[in-house]
Amino acid sequence: MPEISPAQAVLRILLAQAREDGQVPRDLDTGAEAAFLTAGADGLQASVLLGQRSPEQAVAVLDRQLDRIFTTPAHAGTR
């Protein structure tokens, strides 16, 4: 199994805790979601640096993905 980044490891832990707290679906694959979020953030960072999108657009993309994962209203109040 390939080594994961520290950011991905932290996300995996946070998503597992959110799953235990009922903030995300019980069947959420925390490893896959953590990998997707970190890869997405890396790609968005590059596109912002290259001027392909604004920082606000990048945040909106990440917010959409977090809204997809977090299914409880508690998430909406944390931003």
Protein backbone atom coordinates (compact mmCIF):
# COMPACT_ATOMS: atom_id res chain seq x y z
CA MET A 1 0.00 0.00 0.00
CA PRO A 2 1.43 3.43 -0.91
CA GLU A 3 2.35 5.83 1.85
CA ILE A 4 -0.16 8.62 2.42
CA SER A 5 0.62 12.26 3.06
CA PRO A 6 0.30 13.79 6.53
CA ALA A 7 -2.61 15.91 5.29
CA GLN A 8 -4.42 12.83 4.00
CA ALA A 9 -3.78 11.00 7.29
CA VAL A 10 -5.26 13.89 9.29
CA LEU A 11 -8.29 14.09 7.00
CA ARG A 12 -8.83 10.36 7.34
CA ILE A 13 -8.87 10.70 11.15
CA LEU A 14 -11.19 13.72 11.07
CA LEU A 15 -13.60 12.00 8.69
CA ALA A 16 -13.63 8.87 10.85
CA GLN A 17 -14.51 11.02 13.88
CA ALA A 18 -17.24 12.78 11.90
CA ARG A 19 -18.60 9.36 10.93
CA GLU A 20 -18.68 8.32 14.59
CA ASP A 21 -20.45 11.58 15.45
CA GLY A 22 -23.09 10.99 12.76
CA GLN A 23 -22.04 13.97 10.64
CA VAL A 24 -21.25 11.88 7.58
CA PRO A 25 -22.84 8.68 6.28
CA ARG A 26 -21.89 5.51 8.16
CA ASP A 27 -20.77 3.84 4.93
CA LEU A 28 -18.37 6.68 4.01
CA ASP A 29 -15.00 5.33 2.89
CA THR A 30 -12.81 7.73 4.88
CA GLY A 31 -9.64 6.66 3.11
CA ALA A 32 -11.07 7.25 -0.36
CA GLU A 33 -12.64 10.58 0.61
CA ALA A 34 -9.42 11.78 2.27
CA ALA A 35 -7.47 10.85 -0.86
CA PHE A 36 -10.00 12.60 -3.10
CA LEU A 37 -10.04 15.78 -0.99
CA THR A 38 -6.27 16.07 -0.77
CA ALA A 39 -5.83 15.37 -4.49
CA GLY A 40 -8.55 17.89 -5.28
CA ALA A 41 -6.98 20.52 -3.05
CA ASP A 42 -3.59 19.93 -4.70
CA GLY A 43 -5.12 20.33 -8.15
CA LEU A 44 -7.06 23.42 -7.15
CA GLN A 45 -3.94 24.98 -5.67
CA ALA A 46 -2.12 24.54 -8.96
CA SER A 47 -5.03 25.96 -10.96
CA VAL A 48 -5.14 29.05 -8.71
CA LEU A 49 -1.38 29.57 -9.02
CA LEU A 50 -1.64 29.26 -12.80
CA GLY A 51 -4.49 31.79 -12.90
CA GLN A 52 -7.03 29.27 -14.19
CA ARG A 53 -9.45 30.04 -11.37
CA SER A 54 -9.72 32.49 -8.51
CA PRO A 55 -9.13 31.52 -4.89
CA GLU A 56 -12.85 32.07 -4.29
CA GLN A 57 -13.73 29.62 -7.05
CA ALA A 58 -11.38 27.04 -5.56
CA VAL A 59 -12.98 27.44 -2.13
CA ALA A 60 -16.43 27.05 -3.71
CA VAL A 61 -15.36 23.76 -5.30
CA LEU A 62 -14.05 22.44 -1.98
CA ASP A 63 -17.19 23.64 -0.18
CA ARG A 64 -19.33 21.71 -2.66
CA GLN A 65 -17.38 18.53 -1.98
CA LEU A 66 -17.62 19.01 1.79
CA ASP A 67 -21.38 19.61 1.47
CA ARG A 68 -21.59 16.33 -0.45
CA ILE A 69 -19.81 14.47 2.35
CA PHE A 70 -21.27 16.18 5.42
CA THR A 71 -24.96 15.49 5.46
CA THR A 72 -25.99 17.17 8.71
CA PRO A 73 -26.93 20.82 9.22
CA ALA A 74 -24.13 21.17 11.79
CA HIS A 75 -21.59 21.44 8.97
CA ALA A 76 -23.30 24.46 7.44
CA GLY A 77 -22.89 26.46 10.64
CA THR A 78 -19.15 25.82 10.95
CA ARG A 79 -18.06 27.89 7.97
